Amino acid sequence: MCLTFFNCKEEKPAEYEWKTINVTATAFNSTRRQTNNNPHITAFGDSLKPGLRYIAVSRNLLRLGLTHNTPVNIEGLEGTYLVKDKMHYRWKNKIDVYMGTDVEAARNWGRKRVNISYRVKIKTDSL
């Protein structure tokens, strides 16, 4: 029984948590030279749109929870990015920040080590 002057709502346990890792970050563009004959389509089948915040991840990061559409915050950059592409198997612990068609911005970003925070679903034990 619930008395009217008490809050009787049950708090839902958190469904997500944020994890942080250090990775190498580079940048990429939607150009045939950097991708393939269809530079606006990702390995997940998404269409890239210049001006939106996307990243590609090395495939070993997929196993850590950086899967398709995972929200990611990148040290040194404003806003939240979404995982929209995956990189070749040869890369490890690496992200590529999408810079649309602005090749100069990608060159200026260069290559650096950054901390990223990403959201993953909390695993719960089922009965």
N, C-alpha and C. Protein backbone atom coordinates (compact mmCIF):
# COMPACT_ATOMS: atom_id res chain seq x y z
N MET A 1 0.84 -1.17 0.00
CA MET A 1 0.00 0.00 0.00
C MET A 1 0.89 1.24 0.00
N CYS A 2 0.44 2.24 -0.70
CA CYS A 2 1.22 3.45 -0.88
C CYS A 2 0.45 4.62 -0.27
N LEU A 3 1.11 5.39 0.57
CA LEU A 3 0.47 6.57 1.13
C LEU A 3 0.61 7.73 0.16
N THR A 4 -0.35 8.61 0.13
CA THR A 4 -0.37 9.67 -0.87
C THR A 4 0.77 10.67 -0.75
N PHE A 5 1.38 10.81 0.43
CA PHE A 5 2.44 11.80 0.55
C PHE A 5 3.84 11.21 0.31
N PHE A 6 3.92 9.97 -0.08
CA PHE A 6 5.20 9.35 -0.45
C PHE A 6 5.24 9.13 -1.96
N ASN A 7 6.41 9.20 -2.50
CA ASN A 7 6.58 8.88 -3.91
C ASN A 7 6.71 7.37 -4.02
N CYS A 8 5.78 6.71 -4.68
CA CYS A 8 5.75 5.26 -4.74
C CYS A 8 6.28 4.71 -6.06
N LYS A 9 6.86 5.57 -6.89
CA LYS A 9 7.42 5.08 -8.14
C LYS A 9 8.71 4.33 -7.86
N GLU A 10 8.86 3.21 -8.52
CA GLU A 10 10.12 2.47 -8.41
C GLU A 10 11.10 3.03 -9.42
N GLU A 11 12.34 3.25 -8.98
CA GLU A 11 13.38 3.71 -9.89
C GLU A 11 13.84 2.57 -10.77
N LYS A 12 13.88 2.81 -12.08
CA LYS A 12 14.41 1.80 -13.00
C LYS A 12 15.92 1.79 -12.90
N PRO A 13 16.51 0.61 -12.89
CA PRO A 13 17.97 0.58 -12.89
C PRO A 13 18.51 1.12 -14.22
N ALA A 14 19.70 1.67 -14.16
CA ALA A 14 20.31 2.24 -15.37
C ALA A 14 20.46 1.15 -16.43
N GLU A 15 20.15 1.50 -17.68
CA GLU A 15 20.29 0.54 -18.78
C GLU A 15 21.62 0.67 -19.49
N TYR A 16 22.27 1.84 -19.36
CA TYR A 16 23.51 2.10 -20.08
C TYR A 16 24.58 2.63 -19.14
N GLU A 17 25.82 2.44 -19.54
CA GLU A 17 26.95 3.03 -18.84
C GLU A 17 27.92 3.58 -19.88
N TRP A 18 28.79 4.49 -19.46
CA TRP A 18 29.79 5.05 -20.36
C TRP A 18 31.15 4.47 -20.01
N LYS A 19 31.88 4.05 -21.03
CA LYS A 19 33.23 3.52 -20.88
C LYS A 19 34.19 4.45 -21.62
N THR A 20 35.43 4.49 -21.15
CA THR A 20 36.44 5.35 -21.77
C THR A 20 37.65 4.51 -22.16
N ILE A 21 38.17 4.75 -23.36
CA ILE A 21 39.40 4.11 -23.81
C ILE A 21 40.23 5.12 -24.59
N ASN A 22 41.52 4.82 -24.73
CA ASN A 22 42.43 5.66 -25.49
C ASN A 22 42.68 5.00 -26.84
N VAL A 23 42.52 5.76 -27.92
CA VAL A 23 42.66 5.24 -29.28
C VAL A 23 43.47 6.21 -30.13
N THR A 24 43.91 5.74 -31.28
CA THR A 24 44.49 6.61 -32.29
C THR A 24 43.35 7.14 -33.15
N ALA A 25 43.32 8.44 -33.38
CA ALA A 25 42.26 9.05 -34.18
C ALA A 25 42.85 9.72 -35.40
N THR A 26 42.26 9.41 -36.55
CA THR A 26 42.58 10.09 -37.80
C THR A 26 41.25 10.60 -38.35
N ALA A 27 41.27 11.12 -39.57
CA ALA A 27 40.04 11.64 -40.17
C ALA A 27 39.91 11.10 -41.58
N PHE A 28 38.67 11.04 -42.06
CA PHE A 28 38.44 10.60 -43.44
C PHE A 28 37.36 11.43 -44.10
N ASN A 29 37.32 11.35 -45.42
CA ASN A 29 36.36 12.11 -46.22
C ASN A 29 35.59 11.20 -47.16
N SER A 30 34.48 11.72 -47.67
CA SER A 30 33.70 11.01 -48.69
C SER A 30 34.28 11.32 -50.06
N THR A 31 35.41 10.70 -50.35
CA THR A 31 36.01 10.84 -51.67
C THR A 31 36.38 9.45 -52.18
N ARG A 32 36.32 9.27 -53.49
CA ARG A 32 36.67 7.97 -54.08
C ARG A 32 38.11 7.59 -53.76
N ARG A 33 38.96 8.56 -53.71
CA ARG A 33 40.38 8.29 -53.44
C ARG A 33 40.56 7.67 -52.05
N GLN A 34 39.73 8.06 -51.08
CA GLN A 34 39.90 7.56 -49.72
C GLN A 34 39.04 6.34 -49.41
N THR A 35 38.02 6.11 -50.22
CA THR A 35 37.11 4.99 -49.91
C THR A 35 37.03 4.05 -51.12
N ASN A 36 35.92 4.14 -51.86
CA ASN A 36 35.75 3.31 -53.06
C ASN A 36 34.88 4.07 -54.06
N ASN A 37 34.29 3.36 -55.01
CA ASN A 37 33.48 4.02 -56.04
C ASN A 37 32.18 4.61 -55.51
N ASN A 38 31.78 4.23 -54.33
CA ASN A 38 30.57 4.78 -53.71
C ASN A 38 30.95 5.34 -52.34
N PRO A 39 31.61 6.51 -52.30
CA PRO A 39 32.20 7.01 -51.07
C PRO A 39 31.23 7.49 -49.99
N HIS A 40 29.94 7.51 -50.29
CA HIS A 40 28.97 7.96 -49.28
C HIS A 40 28.24 6.80 -48.61
N ILE A 41 28.60 5.55 -48.92
CA ILE A 41 27.97 4.38 -48.31
C ILE A 41 28.99 3.68 -47.41
N THR A 42 28.59 3.37 -46.17
CA THR A 42 29.51 2.75 -45.21
C THR A 42 29.45 1.23 -45.27
N ALA A 43 30.34 0.60 -44.54
CA ALA A 43 30.36 -0.86 -44.45
C ALA A 43 29.10 -1.40 -43.78
N PHE A 44 28.41 -0.57 -42.99
CA PHE A 44 27.13 -0.96 -42.39
C PHE A 44 25.96 -0.70 -43.34
N GLY A 45 26.21 -0.03 -44.48
CA GLY A 45 25.15 0.27 -45.43
C GLY A 45 24.50 1.62 -45.24
N ASP A 46 25.01 2.43 -44.31
CA ASP A 46 24.46 3.77 -44.08
C ASP A 46 24.94 4.74 -45.14
N SER A 47 24.18 5.79 -45.38
CA SER A 47 24.59 6.87 -46.26
C SER A 47 25.20 7.98 -45.42
N LEU A 48 26.43 8.36 -45.74
CA LEU A 48 27.08 9.45 -45.02
C LEU A 48 26.61 10.78 -45.57
N LYS A 49 26.38 11.73 -44.67
CA LYS A 49 25.94 13.07 -45.07
C LYS A 49 26.91 14.08 -44.48
N PRO A 50 27.62 14.83 -45.34
CA PRO A 50 28.55 15.84 -44.83
C PRO A 50 27.87 16.77 -43.83
N GLY A 51 28.61 17.11 -42.78
CA GLY A 51 28.09 17.99 -41.74
C GLY A 51 27.57 17.24 -40.52
N LEU A 52 27.35 15.92 -40.65
CA LEU A 52 26.89 15.13 -39.50
C LEU A 52 28.08 14.48 -38.81
N ARG A 53 27.91 14.15 -37.54
CA ARG A 53 29.01 13.63 -36.72
C ARG A 53 29.02 12.11 -36.72
N TYR A 54 29.93 11.55 -37.52
CA TYR A 54 30.07 10.10 -37.64
C TYR A 54 31.52 9.70 -37.43
N ILE A 55 31.73 8.44 -37.06
CA ILE A 55 33.07 7.88 -37.02
C ILE A 55 33.05 6.47 -37.59
N ALA A 56 34.24 6.04 -38.00
CA ALA A 56 34.49 4.64 -38.34
C ALA A 56 35.37 4.09 -37.23
N VAL A 57 35.23 2.80 -36.93
CA VAL A 57 36.02 2.19 -35.86
C VAL A 57 36.75 0.96 -36.40
N SER A 58 37.91 0.69 -35.80
CA SER A 58 38.61 -0.55 -36.14
C SER A 58 37.76 -1.71 -35.61
N ARG A 59 37.86 -2.83 -36.28
CA ARG A 59 36.96 -3.96 -35.97
C ARG A 59 37.18 -4.55 -34.59
N ASN A 60 38.37 -4.42 -34.01
CA ASN A 60 38.56 -4.92 -32.65
C ASN A 60 37.73 -4.12 -31.65
N LEU A 61 37.41 -2.86 -31.97
CA LEU A 61 36.58 -2.04 -31.06
C LEU A 61 35.12 -2.47 -31.09
N LEU A 62 34.69 -3.13 -32.15
CA LEU A 62 33.32 -3.65 -32.20
C LEU A 62 33.09 -4.61 -31.03
N ARG A 63 34.08 -5.43 -30.73
CA ARG A 63 33.96 -6.40 -29.63
C ARG A 63 33.89 -5.74 -28.26
N LEU A 64 34.34 -4.49 -28.16
CA LEU A 64 34.29 -3.76 -26.90
C LEU A 64 32.97 -3.01 -26.71
N GLY A 65 32.09 -3.10 -27.71
CA GLY A 65 30.79 -2.45 -27.61
C GLY A 65 30.61 -1.25 -28.51
N LEU A 66 31.62 -0.88 -29.28
CA LEU A 66 31.51 0.24 -30.22
C LEU A 66 30.88 -0.27 -31.50
N THR A 67 29.63 -0.64 -31.43
CA THR A 67 28.92 -1.22 -32.56
C THR A 67 28.14 -0.14 -33.31
N HIS A 68 27.46 -0.53 -34.36
CA HIS A 68 26.69 0.38 -35.21
C HIS A 68 25.79 1.29 -34.38
N ASN A 69 25.89 2.59 -34.61
CA ASN A 69 25.09 3.65 -33.98
C ASN A 69 25.40 3.89 -32.51
N THR A 70 26.51 3.38 -32.00
CA THR A 70 26.91 3.68 -30.62
C THR A 70 27.28 5.16 -30.51
N PRO A 71 26.75 5.87 -29.51
CA PRO A 71 27.15 7.27 -29.30
C PRO A 71 28.55 7.34 -28.69
N VAL A 72 29.35 8.28 -29.21
CA VAL A 72 30.75 8.42 -28.79
C VAL A 72 31.08 9.90 -28.59
N ASN A 73 31.75 10.21 -27.49
CA ASN A 73 32.30 11.55 -27.26
C ASN A 73 33.81 11.46 -27.45
N ILE A 74 34.38 12.40 -28.20
CA ILE A 74 35.79 12.38 -28.57
C ILE A 74 36.49 13.58 -27.94
N GLU A 75 37.55 13.28 -27.21
CA GLU A 75 38.34 14.33 -26.59
C GLU A 75 38.81 15.33 -27.65
N GLY A 76 38.56 16.61 -27.41
CA GLY A 76 38.99 17.65 -28.34
C GLY A 76 37.95 18.04 -29.38
N LEU A 77 36.83 17.32 -29.44
CA LEU A 77 35.77 17.64 -30.40
C LEU A 77 34.46 17.84 -29.66
N GLU A 78 33.67 18.77 -30.13
CA GLU A 78 32.37 19.06 -29.55
C GLU A 78 31.33 18.06 -30.02
N GLY A 79 30.36 17.77 -29.20
CA GLY A 79 29.21 16.97 -29.60
C GLY A 79 29.44 15.47 -29.51
N THR A 80 28.39 14.76 -29.85
CA THR A 80 28.40 13.30 -29.82
C THR A 80 28.40 12.77 -31.24
N TYR A 81 29.24 11.79 -31.48
CA TYR A 81 29.38 11.15 -32.78
C TYR A 81 28.73 9.78 -32.74
N LEU A 82 28.33 9.27 -33.89
CA LEU A 82 27.76 7.92 -33.98
C LEU A 82 28.68 7.03 -34.80
N VAL A 83 28.81 5.78 -34.36
CA VAL A 83 29.57 4.80 -35.13
C VAL A 83 28.74 4.44 -36.36
N LYS A 84 29.26 4.78 -37.54
CA LYS A 84 28.53 4.53 -38.78
C LYS A 84 29.33 3.70 -39.79
N ASP A 85 30.60 3.42 -39.49
CA ASP A 85 31.42 2.68 -40.44
C ASP A 85 32.43 1.85 -39.67
N LYS A 86 32.93 0.81 -40.34
CA LYS A 86 34.00 0.00 -39.74
C LYS A 86 35.17 -0.05 -40.70
N MET A 87 36.35 -0.15 -40.12
CA MET A 87 37.59 -0.06 -40.88
C MET A 87 38.09 -1.44 -41.29
N HIS A 88 39.12 -1.46 -42.11
CA HIS A 88 39.76 -2.70 -42.55
C HIS A 88 40.31 -3.45 -41.33
N TYR A 89 40.39 -4.76 -41.43
CA TYR A 89 40.86 -5.61 -40.34
C TYR A 89 42.28 -5.27 -39.88
N ARG A 90 43.09 -4.67 -40.72
CA ARG A 90 44.49 -4.41 -40.34
C ARG A 90 44.62 -3.36 -39.24
N TRP A 91 43.60 -2.52 -39.05
CA TRP A 91 43.68 -1.46 -38.04
C TRP A 91 43.24 -1.98 -36.68
N LYS A 92 43.90 -1.51 -35.63
CA LYS A 92 43.57 -1.88 -34.25
C LYS A 92 43.52 -0.61 -33.39
N ASN A 93 42.55 -0.56 -32.47
CA ASN A 93 42.43 0.55 -31.52
C ASN A 93 42.48 1.90 -32.21
N LYS A 94 41.67 2.04 -33.25
CA LYS A 94 41.70 3.25 -34.07
C LYS A 94 40.28 3.69 -34.44
N ILE A 95 40.10 5.00 -34.51
CA ILE A 95 38.87 5.57 -35.05
C ILE A 95 39.23 6.52 -36.17
N ASP A 96 38.29 6.72 -37.07
CA ASP A 96 38.39 7.70 -38.15
C ASP A 96 37.21 8.64 -38.00
N VAL A 97 37.50 9.92 -37.84
CA VAL A 97 36.45 10.93 -37.69
C VAL A 97 36.02 11.39 -39.09
N TYR A 98 34.72 11.35 -39.35
CA TYR A 98 34.20 11.74 -40.65
C TYR A 98 34.19 13.26 -40.79
N MET A 99 34.82 13.77 -41.86
CA MET A 99 34.91 15.21 -42.11
C MET A 99 34.25 15.59 -43.43
N GLY A 100 33.23 14.84 -43.84
CA GLY A 100 32.50 15.17 -45.06
C GLY A 100 33.41 15.17 -46.28
N THR A 101 33.36 16.26 -47.04
CA THR A 101 34.22 16.38 -48.22
C THR A 101 35.35 17.38 -48.00
N ASP A 102 35.52 17.84 -46.76
CA ASP A 102 36.53 18.84 -46.43
C ASP A 102 37.89 18.17 -46.17
N VAL A 103 38.63 17.93 -47.24
CA VAL A 103 39.92 17.25 -47.16
C VAL A 103 40.91 18.05 -46.31
N GLU A 104 40.85 19.36 -46.41
CA GLU A 104 41.77 20.22 -45.63
C GLU A 104 41.52 20.05 -44.13
N ALA A 105 40.27 19.97 -43.70
CA ALA A 105 39.95 19.77 -42.28
C ALA A 105 40.50 18.43 -41.80
N ALA A 106 40.40 17.41 -42.64
CA ALA A 106 40.93 16.09 -42.28
C ALA A 106 42.45 16.15 -42.15
N ARG A 107 43.10 16.83 -43.06
CA ARG A 107 44.57 16.98 -42.97
C ARG A 107 44.97 17.74 -41.72
N ASN A 108 44.22 18.80 -41.40
CA ASN A 108 44.53 19.58 -40.20
C ASN A 108 44.34 18.76 -38.92
N TRP A 109 43.36 17.87 -38.91
CA TRP A 109 43.15 17.00 -37.75
C TRP A 109 44.36 16.08 -37.56
N GLY A 110 44.83 15.52 -38.66
CA GLY A 110 46.03 14.68 -38.61
C GLY A 110 45.79 13.35 -37.94
N ARG A 111 46.76 12.96 -37.13
CA ARG A 111 46.73 11.69 -36.40
C ARG A 111 47.10 12.00 -34.96
N LYS A 112 46.28 11.55 -34.02
CA LYS A 112 46.56 11.84 -32.61
C LYS A 112 45.98 10.76 -31.72
N ARG A 113 46.49 10.69 -30.52
CA ARG A 113 45.93 9.80 -29.50
C ARG A 113 44.90 10.61 -28.72
N VAL A 114 43.71 10.04 -28.54
CA VAL A 114 42.63 10.72 -27.82
C VAL A 114 41.89 9.71 -26.94
N ASN A 115 41.26 10.22 -25.92
CA ASN A 115 40.33 9.41 -25.12
C ASN A 115 38.96 9.55 -25.74
N ILE A 116 38.26 8.45 -25.85
CA ILE A 116 36.87 8.49 -26.28
C ILE A 116 36.02 7.84 -25.20
N SER A 117 34.81 8.34 -25.04
CA SER A 117 33.83 7.74 -24.14
C SER A 117 32.67 7.27 -25.00
N TYR A 118 32.21 6.05 -24.71
CA TYR A 118 31.13 5.50 -25.51
C TYR A 118 30.12 4.81 -24.61
N ARG A 119 28.87 4.80 -25.07
CA ARG A 119 27.76 4.27 -24.29
C ARG A 119 27.49 2.81 -24.66
N VAL A 120 27.41 1.95 -23.64
CA VAL A 120 27.09 0.54 -23.86
C VAL A 120 25.96 0.12 -22.93
N LYS A 121 25.23 -0.85 -23.38
CA LYS A 121 24.14 -1.40 -22.58
C LYS A 121 24.74 -2.21 -21.44
N ILE A 122 24.20 -2.03 -20.24
CA ILE A 122 24.66 -2.78 -19.08
C ILE A 122 24.11 -4.20 -19.17
N LYS A 123 25.00 -5.15 -19.02
CA LYS A 123 24.58 -6.56 -19.05
C LYS A 123 23.97 -6.90 -17.70
N THR A 124 22.80 -7.50 -17.75
CA THR A 124 22.13 -7.91 -16.51
C THR A 124 22.03 -9.42 -16.49
N ASP A 125 22.12 -9.96 -15.30
CA ASP A 125 21.96 -11.41 -15.14
C ASP A 125 20.48 -11.73 -15.18
N SER A 126 20.13 -12.66 -16.05
CA SER A 126 18.72 -13.06 -16.13
C SER A 126 18.51 -14.29 -15.26
N LEU A 127 17.34 -14.37 -14.70
CA LEU A 127 17.03 -15.48 -13.79
C LEU A 127 16.73 -16.73 -14.53
